[in-house]
Amino acid sequence: YPAGPFGIGLHATLENFGFLGWRDPVASNYDENALEEVRLGEFYDPDGSKNIKLIWINASAVWCTVCRAEMTDIRDNQVNQAFKPCGVQLIVTLFEDNKSGPARPLDLHNWGNASQYAIDFPLLLDPSFKLGAFFTSDATPLNMLVDARTMKVIDATMGYSLDYWQQVDTLLTKLEQ
């Protein structure tokens, strides 16, 4: 993993945060008893051997209607299936429950397993809000893009728009040049 200094904001090297959750929520059957530690370093790909160019990290809250709409859009438009072969690793973190308390394993189970989301990529808990330092407003969700070769943050967007994945596609094209 790249050496520090680590920071926040654009062009900062992202710390090798560890989260509790599932690398493959579907294979784990969203089982709260099968949580495992997942570190961002697992997706670090300086030489391209893992075929990961970009890491999309989302920070959502269970109560957030925009976050829920985003997850539905990702499922309905098969975003993971479209972008994974292009080298984009999707990761979702939950930081708050419905009562604005820290997210818990049951929240992770209910969120990932919900038929309107059916999350099939890493789904992780962030109850201590490690990613909170990257928020630039009180809007949710946070959508952050990290260059997997360097672990530098290359984009951080608050909220979600329906053209977000077109923007990701444009960034991916620039990385390949």
N, C-alpha and C. Protein backbone atom coordinates (compact mmCIF):
# COMPACT_ATOMS: atom_id res chain seq x y z
N TYR A 1 0.85 -1.18 0.00
CA TYR A 1 0.00 0.00 0.00
C TYR A 1 0.89 1.23 0.00
N PRO A 2 0.48 2.30 -0.69
CA PRO A 2 1.34 3.49 -0.72
C PRO A 2 1.60 4.04 0.68
N ALA A 3 2.79 4.55 0.87
CA ALA A 3 3.12 5.17 2.14
C ALA A 3 2.42 6.51 2.26
N GLY A 4 2.20 6.94 3.49
CA GLY A 4 1.60 8.25 3.74
C GLY A 4 2.54 9.34 3.26
N PRO A 5 2.22 10.57 3.43
CA PRO A 5 1.14 11.00 4.30
C PRO A 5 -0.22 10.77 3.64
N PHE A 6 -1.19 10.47 4.49
CA PHE A 6 -2.56 10.30 4.04
C PHE A 6 -3.29 11.60 4.31
N GLY A 7 -4.33 11.82 3.55
CA GLY A 7 -5.05 13.07 3.73
C GLY A 7 -6.50 12.93 3.34
N ILE A 8 -7.14 14.07 3.28
CA ILE A 8 -8.54 14.12 2.85
C ILE A 8 -8.64 15.08 1.68
N GLY A 9 -9.66 14.92 0.90
CA GLY A 9 -9.88 15.81 -0.23
C GLY A 9 -9.27 15.26 -1.51
N LEU A 10 -9.47 16.02 -2.57
CA LEU A 10 -8.98 15.60 -3.89
C LEU A 10 -7.46 15.49 -3.89
N HIS A 11 -6.98 14.48 -4.57
CA HIS A 11 -5.56 14.19 -4.78
C HIS A 11 -4.84 13.69 -3.53
N ALA A 12 -5.57 13.51 -2.44
CA ALA A 12 -4.96 12.95 -1.23
C ALA A 12 -4.86 11.44 -1.37
N THR A 13 -3.84 10.86 -0.77
CA THR A 13 -3.73 9.40 -0.72
C THR A 13 -4.65 8.91 0.38
N LEU A 14 -5.50 7.97 0.04
CA LEU A 14 -6.49 7.44 0.96
C LEU A 14 -5.85 6.45 1.93
N GLU A 15 -6.13 6.61 3.19
CA GLU A 15 -5.62 5.69 4.21
C GLU A 15 -6.17 4.29 3.95
N ASN A 16 -5.45 3.28 4.35
CA ASN A 16 -5.87 1.88 4.17
C ASN A 16 -6.91 1.52 5.25
N PHE A 17 -8.06 2.14 5.15
CA PHE A 17 -9.12 1.90 6.12
C PHE A 17 -9.57 0.45 6.10
N GLY A 18 -9.93 -0.05 7.26
CA GLY A 18 -10.54 -1.37 7.39
C GLY A 18 -11.98 -1.21 7.85
N PHE A 19 -12.85 -2.03 7.30
CA PHE A 19 -14.27 -2.00 7.62
C PHE A 19 -14.75 -3.42 7.86
N LEU A 20 -15.83 -3.57 8.60
CA LEU A 20 -16.47 -4.86 8.79
C LEU A 20 -17.60 -4.98 7.77
N GLY A 21 -17.68 -6.11 7.11
CA GLY A 21 -18.73 -6.30 6.12
C GLY A 21 -18.48 -7.56 5.32
N TRP A 22 -18.88 -7.51 4.06
CA TRP A 22 -18.73 -8.67 3.17
C TRP A 22 -18.08 -8.25 1.86
N ARG A 23 -17.06 -9.00 1.45
CA ARG A 23 -16.49 -8.81 0.11
C ARG A 23 -17.53 -9.20 -0.93
N ASP A 24 -18.25 -10.29 -0.65
CA ASP A 24 -19.27 -10.80 -1.56
C ASP A 24 -20.54 -11.05 -0.75
N PRO A 25 -21.40 -10.02 -0.64
CA PRO A 25 -22.59 -10.17 0.20
C PRO A 25 -23.53 -11.28 -0.25
N VAL A 26 -23.62 -11.52 -1.55
CA VAL A 26 -24.51 -12.56 -2.05
C VAL A 26 -24.02 -13.93 -1.59
N ALA A 27 -22.72 -14.20 -1.76
CA ALA A 27 -22.16 -15.49 -1.34
C ALA A 27 -22.29 -15.68 0.17
N SER A 28 -22.22 -14.60 0.94
CA SER A 28 -22.35 -14.71 2.40
C SER A 28 -23.81 -14.76 2.83
N ASN A 29 -24.71 -14.63 1.85
CA ASN A 29 -26.15 -14.62 2.12
C ASN A 29 -26.53 -13.49 3.08
N TYR A 30 -25.77 -12.41 3.04
CA TYR A 30 -26.03 -11.23 3.89
C TYR A 30 -26.12 -11.62 5.36
N ASP A 31 -25.33 -12.62 5.73
CA ASP A 31 -25.36 -13.19 7.09
C ASP A 31 -24.59 -12.31 8.06
N GLU A 32 -25.28 -11.78 9.05
CA GLU A 32 -24.66 -10.91 10.05
C GLU A 32 -23.55 -11.62 10.82
N ASN A 33 -23.59 -12.93 10.86
CA ASN A 33 -22.56 -13.70 11.58
C ASN A 33 -21.35 -14.03 10.70
N ALA A 34 -21.41 -13.64 9.45
CA ALA A 34 -20.31 -13.93 8.52
C ALA A 34 -19.54 -12.68 8.12
N LEU A 35 -19.64 -11.63 8.94
CA LEU A 35 -18.92 -10.39 8.63
C LEU A 35 -17.42 -10.64 8.69
N GLU A 36 -16.69 -9.94 7.83
CA GLU A 36 -15.24 -10.09 7.76
C GLU A 36 -14.62 -8.70 7.63
N GLU A 37 -13.37 -8.58 8.03
CA GLU A 37 -12.70 -7.30 7.84
C GLU A 37 -12.27 -7.18 6.37
N VAL A 38 -12.60 -6.04 5.80
CA VAL A 38 -12.22 -5.74 4.42
C VAL A 38 -11.44 -4.42 4.47
N ARG A 39 -10.23 -4.44 3.93
CA ARG A 39 -9.38 -3.25 3.92
C ARG A 39 -9.31 -2.69 2.49
N LEU A 40 -9.22 -1.40 2.39
CA LEU A 40 -9.13 -0.78 1.06
C LEU A 40 -7.91 -1.27 0.31
N GLY A 41 -6.85 -1.64 1.03
CA GLY A 41 -5.63 -2.14 0.40
C GLY A 41 -5.86 -3.38 -0.46
N GLU A 42 -6.94 -4.10 -0.21
CA GLU A 42 -7.25 -5.28 -1.03
C GLU A 42 -7.55 -4.90 -2.48
N PHE A 43 -7.89 -3.63 -2.70
CA PHE A 43 -8.27 -3.17 -4.03
C PHE A 43 -7.17 -2.32 -4.67
N TYR A 44 -6.08 -2.14 -3.94
CA TYR A 44 -4.91 -1.41 -4.45
C TYR A 44 -4.31 -2.23 -5.57
N ASP A 45 -4.08 -1.61 -6.73
CA ASP A 45 -3.63 -2.36 -7.91
C ASP A 45 -2.59 -1.56 -8.70
N PRO A 46 -1.41 -1.37 -8.11
CA PRO A 46 -0.40 -0.51 -8.76
C PRO A 46 0.09 -1.04 -10.10
N ASP A 47 0.07 -2.35 -10.29
CA ASP A 47 0.59 -2.91 -11.54
C ASP A 47 -0.50 -3.41 -12.49
N GLY A 48 -1.76 -3.24 -12.12
CA GLY A 48 -2.86 -3.65 -12.99
C GLY A 48 -3.17 -5.13 -12.97
N SER A 49 -2.53 -5.89 -12.11
CA SER A 49 -2.72 -7.35 -12.09
C SER A 49 -4.11 -7.77 -11.62
N LYS A 50 -4.80 -6.91 -10.90
CA LYS A 50 -6.16 -7.23 -10.41
C LYS A 50 -7.24 -6.67 -11.33
N ASN A 51 -6.82 -5.98 -12.39
CA ASN A 51 -7.74 -5.30 -13.31
C ASN A 51 -8.67 -4.33 -12.58
N ILE A 52 -8.11 -3.61 -11.59
CA ILE A 52 -8.88 -2.56 -10.92
C ILE A 52 -8.21 -1.23 -11.25
N LYS A 53 -8.94 -0.38 -11.94
CA LYS A 53 -8.41 0.94 -12.30
C LYS A 53 -8.97 2.01 -11.39
N LEU A 54 -10.27 1.91 -11.13
CA LEU A 54 -10.96 2.89 -10.30
C LEU A 54 -11.70 2.16 -9.19
N ILE A 55 -11.70 2.77 -8.02
CA ILE A 55 -12.49 2.25 -6.90
C ILE A 55 -13.55 3.31 -6.60
N TRP A 56 -14.79 2.91 -6.70
CA TRP A 56 -15.91 3.80 -6.35
C TRP A 56 -16.30 3.45 -4.93
N ILE A 57 -16.20 4.42 -4.04
CA ILE A 57 -16.56 4.21 -2.64
C ILE A 57 -17.74 5.11 -2.33
N ASN A 58 -18.80 4.49 -1.88
CA ASN A 58 -20.01 5.20 -1.53
C ASN A 58 -20.20 5.17 -0.02
N ALA A 59 -20.57 6.29 0.55
CA ALA A 59 -20.93 6.36 1.97
C ALA A 59 -22.39 6.76 2.05
N SER A 60 -23.21 5.86 2.56
CA SER A 60 -24.66 6.07 2.62
C SER A 60 -25.17 5.94 4.04
N ALA A 61 -26.35 6.48 4.26
CA ALA A 61 -27.06 6.33 5.52
C ALA A 61 -28.37 5.60 5.23
N VAL A 62 -28.77 4.75 6.15
CA VAL A 62 -29.99 3.95 5.95
C VAL A 62 -31.20 4.86 5.73
N TRP A 63 -31.26 5.98 6.43
CA TRP A 63 -32.41 6.89 6.36
C TRP A 63 -32.45 7.72 5.08
N CYS A 64 -31.40 7.73 4.31
CA CYS A 64 -31.24 8.64 3.17
C CYS A 64 -32.03 8.16 1.94
N THR A 65 -33.02 8.94 1.53
CA THR A 65 -33.84 8.56 0.37
C THR A 65 -33.03 8.63 -0.92
N VAL A 66 -32.11 9.60 -1.03
CA VAL A 66 -31.28 9.69 -2.23
C VAL A 66 -30.36 8.48 -2.32
N CYS A 67 -29.81 8.04 -1.17
CA CYS A 67 -28.95 6.86 -1.14
C CYS A 67 -29.71 5.62 -1.62
N ARG A 68 -30.93 5.49 -1.14
CA ARG A 68 -31.75 4.34 -1.55
C ARG A 68 -32.05 4.39 -3.04
N ALA A 69 -32.38 5.57 -3.54
CA ALA A 69 -32.65 5.71 -4.98
C ALA A 69 -31.41 5.37 -5.80
N GLU A 70 -30.24 5.77 -5.30
CA GLU A 70 -28.99 5.47 -6.00
C GLU A 70 -28.77 3.96 -6.08
N MET A 71 -28.97 3.26 -4.98
CA MET A 71 -28.76 1.81 -4.97
C MET A 71 -29.74 1.11 -5.92
N THR A 72 -30.97 1.60 -5.97
CA THR A 72 -31.97 1.04 -6.90
C THR A 72 -31.53 1.28 -8.34
N ASP A 73 -31.05 2.48 -8.62
CA ASP A 73 -30.57 2.82 -9.96
C ASP A 73 -29.38 1.92 -10.35
N ILE A 74 -28.47 1.69 -9.41
CA ILE A 74 -27.31 0.84 -9.68
C ILE A 74 -27.77 -0.58 -10.02
N ARG A 75 -28.75 -1.08 -9.27
CA ARG A 75 -29.27 -2.42 -9.56
C ARG A 75 -30.01 -2.45 -10.90
N ASP A 76 -30.94 -1.51 -11.08
CA ASP A 76 -31.78 -1.51 -12.29
C ASP A 76 -30.96 -1.35 -13.57
N ASN A 77 -29.89 -0.57 -13.50
CA ASN A 77 -29.06 -0.34 -14.68
C ASN A 77 -27.83 -1.23 -14.75
N GLN A 78 -27.78 -2.22 -13.86
CA GLN A 78 -26.70 -3.21 -13.84
C GLN A 78 -25.32 -2.55 -13.92
N VAL A 79 -25.14 -1.54 -13.07
CA VAL A 79 -23.91 -0.76 -13.08
C VAL A 79 -22.69 -1.62 -12.76
N ASN A 80 -22.80 -2.48 -11.74
CA ASN A 80 -21.65 -3.32 -11.39
C ASN A 80 -21.30 -4.25 -12.55
N GLN A 81 -22.30 -4.84 -13.17
CA GLN A 81 -22.04 -5.75 -14.28
C GLN A 81 -21.42 -5.02 -15.47
N ALA A 82 -21.78 -3.75 -15.66
CA ALA A 82 -21.24 -2.98 -16.78
C ALA A 82 -19.82 -2.47 -16.50
N PHE A 83 -19.55 -2.05 -15.27
CA PHE A 83 -18.28 -1.39 -14.98
C PHE A 83 -17.19 -2.31 -14.45
N LYS A 84 -17.55 -3.40 -13.80
CA LYS A 84 -16.52 -4.29 -13.25
C LYS A 84 -15.56 -4.79 -14.34
N PRO A 85 -16.05 -5.25 -15.50
CA PRO A 85 -15.11 -5.69 -16.54
C PRO A 85 -14.21 -4.57 -17.07
N CYS A 86 -14.62 -3.32 -16.88
CA CYS A 86 -13.82 -2.16 -17.31
C CYS A 86 -12.81 -1.75 -16.26
N GLY A 87 -12.80 -2.43 -15.10
CA GLY A 87 -11.83 -2.12 -14.07
C GLY A 87 -12.33 -1.22 -12.97
N VAL A 88 -13.65 -1.12 -12.77
CA VAL A 88 -14.19 -0.30 -11.70
C VAL A 88 -14.70 -1.21 -10.59
N GLN A 89 -14.15 -1.05 -9.40
CA GLN A 89 -14.56 -1.81 -8.21
C GLN A 89 -15.54 -0.95 -7.42
N LEU A 90 -16.75 -1.45 -7.23
CA LEU A 90 -17.75 -0.74 -6.44
C LEU A 90 -17.68 -1.20 -4.99
N ILE A 91 -17.83 -0.24 -4.07
CA ILE A 91 -17.86 -0.52 -2.63
C ILE A 91 -18.90 0.41 -2.01
N VAL A 92 -19.76 -0.14 -1.17
CA VAL A 92 -20.73 0.68 -0.44
C VAL A 92 -20.47 0.55 1.05
N THR A 93 -20.49 1.69 1.73
CA THR A 93 -20.40 1.70 3.19
C THR A 93 -21.66 2.33 3.76
N LEU A 94 -22.10 1.81 4.89
CA LEU A 94 -23.22 2.41 5.64
C LEU A 94 -22.66 3.00 6.92
N PHE A 95 -22.99 4.25 7.19
CA PHE A 95 -22.48 4.88 8.40
C PHE A 95 -23.56 5.18 9.44
N GLU A 96 -24.82 5.36 9.02
CA GLU A 96 -25.87 5.68 9.99
C GLU A 96 -27.10 4.83 9.78
N ASP A 97 -27.79 4.56 10.91
CA ASP A 97 -29.04 3.82 10.85
C ASP A 97 -30.22 4.78 10.67
N ASN A 98 -31.44 4.27 10.76
CA ASN A 98 -32.64 5.09 10.58
C ASN A 98 -32.82 6.16 11.65
N LYS A 99 -32.17 6.02 12.78
CA LYS A 99 -32.33 6.98 13.88
C LYS A 99 -31.09 7.86 14.03
N SER A 100 -30.27 7.93 12.99
CA SER A 100 -29.04 8.72 12.96
C SER A 100 -28.00 8.22 13.97
N GLY A 101 -28.10 6.95 14.37
CA GLY A 101 -27.08 6.32 15.19
C GLY A 101 -26.11 5.57 14.29
N PRO A 102 -25.03 5.04 14.85
CA PRO A 102 -24.08 4.28 14.02
C PRO A 102 -24.74 3.06 13.37
N ALA A 103 -24.41 2.80 12.12
CA ALA A 103 -24.93 1.64 11.40
C ALA A 103 -24.47 0.36 12.10
N ARG A 104 -25.34 -0.65 12.09
CA ARG A 104 -25.08 -1.93 12.75
C ARG A 104 -25.17 -3.08 11.74
N PRO A 105 -24.71 -4.26 12.13
CA PRO A 105 -24.79 -5.40 11.21
C PRO A 105 -26.20 -5.67 10.68
N LEU A 106 -27.23 -5.49 11.49
CA LEU A 106 -28.59 -5.71 11.00
C LEU A 106 -28.93 -4.72 9.89
N ASP A 107 -28.46 -3.48 10.02
CA ASP A 107 -28.68 -2.49 8.96
C ASP A 107 -28.03 -2.96 7.65
N LEU A 108 -26.83 -3.48 7.77
CA LEU A 108 -26.10 -3.97 6.60
C LEU A 108 -26.87 -5.11 5.93
N HIS A 109 -27.36 -6.03 6.75
CA HIS A 109 -28.14 -7.16 6.25
C HIS A 109 -29.39 -6.66 5.52
N ASN A 110 -30.14 -5.79 6.17
CA ASN A 110 -31.40 -5.31 5.59
C ASN A 110 -31.17 -4.48 4.33
N TRP A 111 -30.13 -3.67 4.34
CA TRP A 111 -29.83 -2.80 3.20
C TRP A 111 -29.39 -3.63 1.98
N GLY A 112 -28.44 -4.50 2.18
CA GLY A 112 -27.90 -5.26 1.06
C GLY A 112 -28.85 -6.27 0.49
N ASN A 113 -29.64 -6.87 1.34
CA ASN A 113 -30.53 -7.96 0.96
C ASN A 113 -31.86 -7.46 0.39
N ALA A 114 -32.17 -6.19 0.57
CA ALA A 114 -33.45 -5.65 0.10
C ALA A 114 -33.60 -5.89 -1.40
N SER A 115 -34.77 -6.33 -1.81
CA SER A 115 -34.98 -6.68 -3.21
C SER A 115 -34.73 -5.50 -4.15
N GLN A 116 -34.96 -4.29 -3.67
CA GLN A 116 -34.76 -3.14 -4.56
C GLN A 116 -33.28 -2.81 -4.75
N TYR A 117 -32.37 -3.41 -3.94
CA TYR A 117 -30.93 -3.15 -4.09
C TYR A 117 -30.19 -4.41 -4.50
N ALA A 118 -30.32 -5.48 -3.72
CA ALA A 118 -29.61 -6.75 -3.97
C ALA A 118 -28.13 -6.49 -4.29
N ILE A 119 -27.45 -5.86 -3.35
CA ILE A 119 -26.06 -5.46 -3.57
C ILE A 119 -25.16 -6.67 -3.70
N ASP A 120 -24.41 -6.71 -4.81
CA ASP A 120 -23.57 -7.87 -5.13
C ASP A 120 -22.09 -7.49 -5.24
N PHE A 121 -21.69 -6.46 -4.52
CA PHE A 121 -20.30 -6.03 -4.45
C PHE A 121 -20.03 -5.68 -2.99
N PRO A 122 -18.77 -5.41 -2.61
CA PRO A 122 -18.48 -5.22 -1.19
C PRO A 122 -19.42 -4.22 -0.50
N LEU A 123 -19.96 -4.68 0.61
CA LEU A 123 -20.91 -3.91 1.42
C LEU A 123 -20.37 -3.90 2.84
N LEU A 124 -20.08 -2.69 3.35
CA LEU A 124 -19.31 -2.56 4.57
C LEU A 124 -19.94 -1.58 5.55
N LEU A 125 -19.64 -1.78 6.81
CA LEU A 125 -20.09 -0.87 7.87
C LEU A 125 -19.01 0.17 8.15
N ASP A 126 -19.46 1.41 8.36
CA ASP A 126 -18.56 2.49 8.76
C ASP A 126 -19.21 3.25 9.93
N PRO A 127 -19.46 2.53 11.05
CA PRO A 127 -20.17 3.17 12.17
C PRO A 127 -19.39 4.29 12.84
N SER A 128 -18.07 4.29 12.72
CA SER A 128 -17.28 5.38 13.30
C SER A 128 -17.10 6.53 12.30
N PHE A 129 -17.68 6.38 11.10
CA PHE A 129 -17.73 7.43 10.09
C PHE A 129 -16.33 7.87 9.65
N LYS A 130 -15.47 6.87 9.35
CA LYS A 130 -14.12 7.14 8.87
C LYS A 130 -14.13 7.98 7.59
N LEU A 131 -15.14 7.75 6.75
CA LEU A 131 -15.21 8.47 5.49
C LEU A 131 -15.83 9.86 5.65
N GLY A 132 -16.28 10.19 6.85
CA GLY A 132 -16.90 11.48 7.10
C GLY A 132 -16.00 12.66 6.78
N ALA A 133 -14.70 12.48 6.93
CA ALA A 133 -13.76 13.56 6.66
C ALA A 133 -13.78 13.98 5.19
N PHE A 134 -14.31 13.14 4.32
CA PHE A 134 -14.35 13.44 2.89
C PHE A 134 -15.63 14.16 2.47
N PHE A 135 -16.58 14.27 3.40
CA PHE A 135 -17.83 14.98 3.09
C PHE A 135 -17.53 16.48 3.00
N THR A 136 -18.05 17.11 1.97
CA THR A 136 -17.85 18.56 1.80
C THR A 136 -19.13 19.33 2.12
N SER A 137 -20.20 18.61 2.43
CA SER A 137 -21.46 19.23 2.84
C SER A 137 -22.20 18.19 3.67
N ASP A 138 -23.37 18.57 4.18
CA ASP A 138 -24.12 17.60 4.97
C ASP A 138 -25.06 16.77 4.11
N ALA A 139 -24.89 16.81 2.80
CA ALA A 139 -25.68 16.00 1.89
C ALA A 139 -25.14 14.57 1.84
N THR A 140 -26.02 13.64 1.63
CA THR A 140 -25.62 12.25 1.40
C THR A 140 -26.24 11.81 0.09
N PRO A 141 -25.68 10.84 -0.55
CA PRO A 141 -24.46 10.09 -0.23
C PRO A 141 -23.20 10.82 -0.68
N LEU A 142 -22.09 10.27 -0.22
CA LEU A 142 -20.77 10.64 -0.75
C LEU A 142 -20.41 9.58 -1.78
N ASN A 143 -20.01 10.01 -2.95
CA ASN A 143 -19.50 9.11 -3.98
C ASN A 143 -18.09 9.56 -4.31
N MET A 144 -17.14 8.67 -4.02
CA MET A 144 -15.73 9.01 -4.16
C MET A 144 -15.09 8.05 -5.15
N LEU A 145 -14.26 8.58 -6.02
CA LEU A 145 -13.50 7.76 -6.96
C LEU A 145 -12.03 7.82 -6.60
N VAL A 146 -11.42 6.66 -6.54
CA VAL A 146 -10.02 6.53 -6.13
C VAL A 146 -9.27 5.81 -7.26
N ASP A 147 -8.13 6.33 -7.62
CA ASP A 147 -7.27 5.68 -8.60
C ASP A 147 -6.63 4.47 -7.92
N ALA A 148 -6.94 3.28 -8.37
CA ALA A 148 -6.47 2.05 -7.72
C ALA A 148 -4.96 1.87 -7.84
N ARG A 149 -4.32 2.56 -8.78
CA ARG A 149 -2.87 2.45 -8.95
C ARG A 149 -2.11 3.24 -7.89
N THR A 150 -2.73 4.33 -7.40
CA THR A 150 -2.05 5.23 -6.48
C THR A 150 -2.79 5.39 -5.15
N MET A 151 -4.06 5.01 -5.11
CA MET A 151 -4.97 5.21 -3.96
C MET A 151 -5.18 6.68 -3.68
N LYS A 152 -5.09 7.50 -4.72
CA LYS A 152 -5.38 8.93 -4.59
C LYS A 152 -6.83 9.19 -4.97
N VAL A 153 -7.47 10.06 -4.21
CA VAL A 153 -8.85 10.45 -4.47
C VAL A 153 -8.85 11.36 -5.70
N ILE A 154 -9.58 10.96 -6.74
CA ILE A 154 -9.62 11.78 -7.95
C ILE A 154 -10.96 12.48 -8.15
N ASP A 155 -11.97 12.10 -7.37
CA ASP A 155 -13.26 12.77 -7.44
C ASP A 155 -14.04 12.46 -6.18
N ALA A 156 -14.73 13.46 -5.67
CA ALA A 156 -15.64 13.27 -4.54
C ALA A 156 -16.88 14.10 -4.81
N THR A 157 -18.01 13.44 -4.87
CA THR A 157 -19.27 14.09 -5.21
C THR A 157 -20.26 13.87 -4.08
N MET A 158 -20.93 14.93 -3.68
CA MET A 158 -21.98 14.81 -2.68
C MET A 158 -23.31 14.68 -3.43
N GLY A 159 -24.14 13.74 -2.99
CA GLY A 159 -25.42 13.52 -3.67
C GLY A 159 -25.25 12.58 -4.84
N TYR A 160 -26.31 12.46 -5.63
CA TYR A 160 -26.31 11.53 -6.75
C TYR A 160 -27.16 12.10 -7.87
N SER A 161 -26.67 11.95 -9.09
CA SER A 161 -27.44 12.36 -10.26
C SER A 161 -27.51 11.19 -11.23
N LEU A 162 -28.52 11.19 -12.06
CA LEU A 162 -28.71 10.07 -12.98
C LEU A 162 -27.62 9.98 -14.03
N ASP A 163 -26.85 11.05 -14.23
CA ASP A 163 -25.76 10.98 -15.21
C ASP A 163 -24.41 10.70 -14.54
N TYR A 164 -24.43 10.34 -13.26
CA TYR A 164 -23.19 10.11 -12.52
C TYR A 164 -22.31 9.06 -13.21
N TRP A 165 -22.88 7.96 -13.66
CA TRP A 165 -22.07 6.87 -14.23
C TRP A 165 -21.50 7.24 -15.60
N GLN A 166 -22.13 8.19 -16.29
CA GLN A 166 -21.53 8.70 -17.53
C GLN A 166 -20.25 9.48 -17.19
N GLN A 167 -20.29 10.20 -16.07
CA GLN A 167 -19.10 10.93 -15.62
C GLN A 167 -17.98 9.95 -15.25
N VAL A 168 -18.35 8.84 -14.59
CA VAL A 168 -17.37 7.81 -14.22
C VAL A 168 -16.75 7.22 -15.49
N ASP A 169 -17.57 6.99 -16.49
CA ASP A 169 -17.08 6.44 -17.75
C ASP A 169 -16.08 7.40 -18.40
N THR A 170 -16.35 8.70 -18.33
CA THR A 170 -15.43 9.70 -18.87
C THR A 170 -14.10 9.68 -18.12
N LEU A 171 -14.16 9.61 -16.79
CA LEU A 171 -12.94 9.54 -15.99
C LEU A 171 -12.14 8.28 -16.30
N LEU A 172 -12.83 7.19 -16.47
CA LEU A 172 -12.17 5.92 -16.79
C LEU A 172 -11.43 6.03 -18.12
N THR A 173 -12.05 6.66 -19.09
CA THR A 173 -11.43 6.86 -20.40
C THR A 173 -10.15 7.70 -20.27
N LYS A 174 -10.20 8.74 -19.43
CA LYS A 174 -9.02 9.59 -19.22
C LYS A 174 -7.90 8.80 -18.56
N LEU A 175 -8.24 7.91 -17.62
CA LEU A 175 -7.22 7.10 -16.94
C LEU A 175 -6.51 6.16 -17.92
N GLU A 176 -7.24 5.71 -18.92
CA GLU A 176 -6.69 4.73 -19.87
C GLU A 176 -5.78 5.40 -20.90
N GLN A 177 -5.81 6.72 -20.99
CA GLN A 177 -5.00 7.42 -21.99
C GLN A 177 -3.57 7.58 -21.54
